[in-house]
Amino acid sequence: MSSVTLPVRCDRAAAEAIWPELVAAVGNEATQIDASGVEHVGQAVLQLLVSARRSGGGAHIQASPALREAARLTGLEAELFEENDL
């Protein structure tokens, strides 16, 4: 299983920086995304996470409270997290 760790600040610049790593990690198996340290997340990173969940083998996201709140506010909880993680 491939894994990617997200930075503390996940803004547009971070999205541009992590995009190649996510593309390389996505394959036939689920990708593990460690977002446990995220304190700020913007729309661009949320879009990347949705894409990672829908691609290849999907992705399992270990989310911080800030990421969970951003997902809740944008209506993306069901899209980003496993049903038993909600």
N, C-alpha and C. Protein backbone atom coordinates (compact mmCIF):
# COMPACT_ATOMS: atom_id res chain seq x y z
N MET A 1 0.84 -1.17 0.00
CA MET A 1 0.00 0.00 0.00
C MET A 1 0.89 1.24 0.00
N SER A 2 0.62 2.16 -0.90
CA SER A 2 1.35 3.42 -0.97
C SER A 2 0.82 4.36 0.10
N SER A 3 1.68 5.29 0.53
CA SER A 3 1.20 6.27 1.49
C SER A 3 1.74 7.65 1.16
N VAL A 4 0.94 8.65 1.53
CA VAL A 4 1.28 10.05 1.31
C VAL A 4 0.94 10.78 2.61
N THR A 5 1.84 11.65 3.05
CA THR A 5 1.59 12.46 4.24
C THR A 5 1.36 13.90 3.80
N LEU A 6 0.25 14.47 4.25
CA LEU A 6 -0.08 15.84 3.90
C LEU A 6 0.57 16.81 4.88
N PRO A 7 0.91 18.02 4.41
CA PRO A 7 1.51 19.02 5.29
C PRO A 7 0.47 19.64 6.22
N VAL A 8 0.95 20.42 7.17
CA VAL A 8 0.08 21.09 8.13
C VAL A 8 -0.85 22.07 7.41
N ARG A 9 -0.31 22.82 6.47
CA ARG A 9 -1.10 23.81 5.71
C ARG A 9 -1.33 23.27 4.30
N CYS A 10 -2.55 22.90 4.02
CA CYS A 10 -2.90 22.33 2.72
C CYS A 10 -3.66 23.37 1.89
N ASP A 11 -2.91 24.31 1.35
CA ASP A 11 -3.49 25.35 0.51
C ASP A 11 -3.20 25.02 -0.95
N ARG A 12 -3.43 25.98 -1.83
CA ARG A 12 -3.23 25.74 -3.26
C ARG A 12 -1.77 25.38 -3.59
N ALA A 13 -0.83 26.05 -2.95
CA ALA A 13 0.59 25.76 -3.18
C ALA A 13 0.90 24.32 -2.76
N ALA A 14 0.34 23.90 -1.64
CA ALA A 14 0.54 22.52 -1.18
C ALA A 14 -0.08 21.53 -2.16
N ALA A 15 -1.25 21.87 -2.70
CA ALA A 15 -1.91 21.00 -3.68
C ALA A 15 -1.01 20.79 -4.89
N GLU A 16 -0.40 21.86 -5.37
CA GLU A 16 0.51 21.76 -6.52
C GLU A 16 1.73 20.90 -6.18
N ALA A 17 2.21 21.01 -4.94
CA ALA A 17 3.39 20.26 -4.53
C ALA A 17 3.09 18.77 -4.32
N ILE A 18 1.92 18.44 -3.77
CA ILE A 18 1.63 17.03 -3.47
C ILE A 18 0.96 16.29 -4.62
N TRP A 19 0.48 17.01 -5.61
CA TRP A 19 -0.21 16.37 -6.74
C TRP A 19 0.65 15.28 -7.39
N PRO A 20 1.93 15.54 -7.74
CA PRO A 20 2.72 14.46 -8.37
C PRO A 20 2.88 13.24 -7.47
N GLU A 21 3.02 13.46 -6.17
CA GLU A 21 3.18 12.35 -5.23
C GLU A 21 1.89 11.52 -5.17
N LEU A 22 0.76 12.19 -5.16
CA LEU A 22 -0.52 11.46 -5.15
C LEU A 22 -0.72 10.67 -6.43
N VAL A 23 -0.39 11.28 -7.56
CA VAL A 23 -0.54 10.58 -8.85
C VAL A 23 0.33 9.33 -8.87
N ALA A 24 1.55 9.44 -8.36
CA ALA A 24 2.46 8.30 -8.33
C ALA A 24 1.97 7.22 -7.36
N ALA A 25 1.31 7.63 -6.28
CA ALA A 25 0.87 6.67 -5.26
C ALA A 25 -0.39 5.91 -5.66
N VAL A 26 -1.24 6.53 -6.45
CA VAL A 26 -2.51 5.91 -6.82
C VAL A 26 -2.26 4.76 -7.78
N GLY A 27 -2.78 3.61 -7.43
CA GLY A 27 -2.61 2.43 -8.26
C GLY A 27 -3.80 1.51 -8.09
N ASN A 28 -3.55 0.21 -8.17
CA ASN A 28 -4.62 -0.77 -8.03
C ASN A 28 -4.99 -1.03 -6.57
N GLU A 29 -4.08 -0.67 -5.66
CA GLU A 29 -4.34 -0.84 -4.23
C GLU A 29 -4.73 0.50 -3.64
N ALA A 30 -5.39 0.47 -2.50
CA ALA A 30 -5.76 1.71 -1.82
C ALA A 30 -4.51 2.46 -1.37
N THR A 31 -4.57 3.76 -1.47
CA THR A 31 -3.50 4.62 -1.01
C THR A 31 -3.85 5.10 0.39
N GLN A 32 -2.87 5.08 1.28
CA GLN A 32 -3.06 5.58 2.64
C GLN A 32 -2.64 7.04 2.65
N ILE A 33 -3.54 7.94 3.04
CA ILE A 33 -3.24 9.36 3.11
C ILE A 33 -3.28 9.79 4.56
N ASP A 34 -2.11 10.19 5.08
CA ASP A 34 -2.01 10.64 6.46
C ASP A 34 -2.23 12.14 6.50
N ALA A 35 -3.42 12.52 6.91
CA ALA A 35 -3.77 13.94 7.03
C ALA A 35 -4.01 14.29 8.49
N SER A 36 -3.42 13.52 9.39
CA SER A 36 -3.66 13.70 10.82
C SER A 36 -3.08 15.00 11.36
N GLY A 37 -2.10 15.58 10.66
CA GLY A 37 -1.48 16.82 11.12
C GLY A 37 -2.00 18.06 10.43
N VAL A 38 -2.98 17.92 9.55
CA VAL A 38 -3.50 19.06 8.80
C VAL A 38 -4.24 20.02 9.73
N GLU A 39 -3.86 21.29 9.67
CA GLU A 39 -4.53 22.32 10.47
C GLU A 39 -5.34 23.28 9.60
N HIS A 40 -5.01 23.37 8.33
CA HIS A 40 -5.73 24.24 7.38
C HIS A 40 -5.83 23.49 6.06
N VAL A 41 -7.02 23.48 5.48
CA VAL A 41 -7.19 22.80 4.20
C VAL A 41 -8.04 23.66 3.29
N GLY A 42 -7.58 23.82 2.05
CA GLY A 42 -8.31 24.60 1.07
C GLY A 42 -9.01 23.71 0.05
N GLN A 43 -9.78 24.35 -0.79
CA GLN A 43 -10.59 23.64 -1.79
C GLN A 43 -9.75 22.80 -2.74
N ALA A 44 -8.57 23.30 -3.14
CA ALA A 44 -7.74 22.56 -4.09
C ALA A 44 -7.32 21.20 -3.53
N VAL A 45 -6.97 21.15 -2.26
CA VAL A 45 -6.58 19.88 -1.64
C VAL A 45 -7.80 18.99 -1.45
N LEU A 46 -8.92 19.56 -1.10
CA LEU A 46 -10.14 18.75 -1.01
C LEU A 46 -10.45 18.09 -2.35
N GLN A 47 -10.27 18.82 -3.44
CA GLN A 47 -10.49 18.25 -4.77
C GLN A 47 -9.52 17.12 -5.05
N LEU A 48 -8.25 17.28 -4.66
CA LEU A 48 -7.27 16.21 -4.86
C LEU A 48 -7.66 14.97 -4.06
N LEU A 49 -8.13 15.17 -2.84
CA LEU A 49 -8.52 14.03 -2.01
C LEU A 49 -9.72 13.29 -2.59
N VAL A 50 -10.68 14.02 -3.10
CA VAL A 50 -11.83 13.39 -3.76
C VAL A 50 -11.34 12.57 -4.96
N SER A 51 -10.46 13.15 -5.74
CA SER A 51 -9.91 12.46 -6.91
C SER A 51 -9.17 11.19 -6.49
N ALA A 52 -8.37 11.29 -5.43
CA ALA A 52 -7.62 10.11 -4.95
C ALA A 52 -8.58 9.01 -4.50
N ARG A 53 -9.67 9.38 -3.83
CA ARG A 53 -10.65 8.38 -3.39
C ARG A 53 -11.32 7.69 -4.56
N ARG A 54 -11.51 8.41 -5.66
CA ARG A 54 -12.20 7.85 -6.83
C ARG A 54 -11.27 7.13 -7.79
N SER A 55 -9.98 7.26 -7.62
CA SER A 55 -9.00 6.72 -8.58
C SER A 55 -8.49 5.36 -8.16
N GLY A 56 -8.13 4.56 -9.15
CA GLY A 56 -7.47 3.28 -8.92
C GLY A 56 -8.12 2.48 -7.82
N GLY A 57 -7.32 2.15 -6.82
CA GLY A 57 -7.80 1.36 -5.68
C GLY A 57 -8.43 2.20 -4.60
N GLY A 58 -8.55 3.50 -4.83
CA GLY A 58 -9.14 4.39 -3.84
C GLY A 58 -8.11 4.85 -2.84
N ALA A 59 -8.57 5.46 -1.78
CA ALA A 59 -7.68 5.97 -0.75
C ALA A 59 -8.39 5.93 0.59
N HIS A 60 -7.61 5.66 1.62
CA HIS A 60 -8.10 5.74 3.00
C HIS A 60 -7.41 6.96 3.61
N ILE A 61 -8.20 7.87 4.16
CA ILE A 61 -7.67 9.12 4.69
C ILE A 61 -7.75 9.10 6.21
N GLN A 62 -6.60 9.26 6.84
CA GLN A 62 -6.52 9.42 8.29
C GLN A 62 -6.59 10.93 8.53
N ALA A 63 -7.75 11.42 8.95
CA ALA A 63 -8.02 12.85 8.96
C ALA A 63 -7.84 13.51 10.32
N SER A 64 -7.39 14.76 10.27
CA SER A 64 -7.32 15.60 11.46
C SER A 64 -8.70 16.21 11.71
N PRO A 65 -8.91 16.76 12.89
CA PRO A 65 -10.18 17.45 13.15
C PRO A 65 -10.43 18.59 12.15
N ALA A 66 -9.40 19.31 11.76
CA ALA A 66 -9.56 20.42 10.81
C ALA A 66 -10.03 19.92 9.46
N LEU A 67 -9.48 18.80 9.00
CA LEU A 67 -9.91 18.23 7.72
C LEU A 67 -11.35 17.72 7.82
N ARG A 68 -11.68 17.08 8.90
CA ARG A 68 -13.05 16.59 9.08
C ARG A 68 -14.05 17.76 9.08
N GLU A 69 -13.69 18.86 9.71
CA GLU A 69 -14.57 20.01 9.75
C GLU A 69 -14.72 20.63 8.36
N ALA A 70 -13.63 20.73 7.62
CA ALA A 70 -13.70 21.26 6.25
C ALA A 70 -14.58 20.37 5.38
N ALA A 71 -14.44 19.06 5.55
CA ALA A 71 -15.28 18.12 4.78
C ALA A 71 -16.74 18.28 5.15
N ARG A 72 -17.01 18.46 6.44
CA ARG A 72 -18.39 18.65 6.88
C ARG A 72 -18.98 19.93 6.30
N LEU A 73 -18.22 21.01 6.35
CA LEU A 73 -18.70 22.31 5.87
C LEU A 73 -18.95 22.31 4.36
N THR A 74 -18.20 21.51 3.63
CA THR A 74 -18.34 21.47 2.17
C THR A 74 -19.23 20.33 1.69
N GLY A 75 -19.73 19.53 2.61
CA GLY A 75 -20.60 18.42 2.23
C GLY A 75 -19.85 17.24 1.63
N LEU A 76 -18.57 17.11 1.96
CA LEU A 76 -17.75 16.04 1.37
C LEU A 76 -17.43 14.90 2.32
N GLU A 77 -18.06 14.87 3.49
CA GLU A 77 -17.75 13.81 4.45
C GLU A 77 -17.94 12.41 3.86
N ALA A 78 -19.08 12.17 3.27
CA ALA A 78 -19.37 10.84 2.72
C ALA A 78 -18.43 10.51 1.56
N GLU A 79 -18.00 11.52 0.83
CA GLU A 79 -17.11 11.33 -0.31
C GLU A 79 -15.68 11.01 0.13
N LEU A 80 -15.25 11.60 1.25
CA LEU A 80 -13.85 11.49 1.67
C LEU A 80 -13.56 10.39 2.68
N PHE A 81 -14.55 10.02 3.48
CA PHE A 81 -14.27 9.11 4.58
C PHE A 81 -15.10 7.84 4.48
N GLU A 82 -14.54 6.78 5.02
CA GLU A 82 -15.24 5.51 5.07
C GLU A 82 -16.46 5.67 5.98
N GLU A 83 -17.49 4.93 5.71
CA GLU A 83 -18.72 5.04 6.50
C GLU A 83 -18.48 4.81 7.98
N ASN A 84 -17.59 3.88 8.32
CA ASN A 84 -17.33 3.59 9.73
C ASN A 84 -16.39 4.61 10.37
N ASP A 85 -15.83 5.54 9.58
CA ASP A 85 -14.96 6.60 10.11
C ASP A 85 -15.75 7.85 10.47
N LEU A 86 -17.02 7.92 10.03
CA LEU A 86 -17.81 9.14 10.27
C LEU A 86 -18.33 9.21 11.68
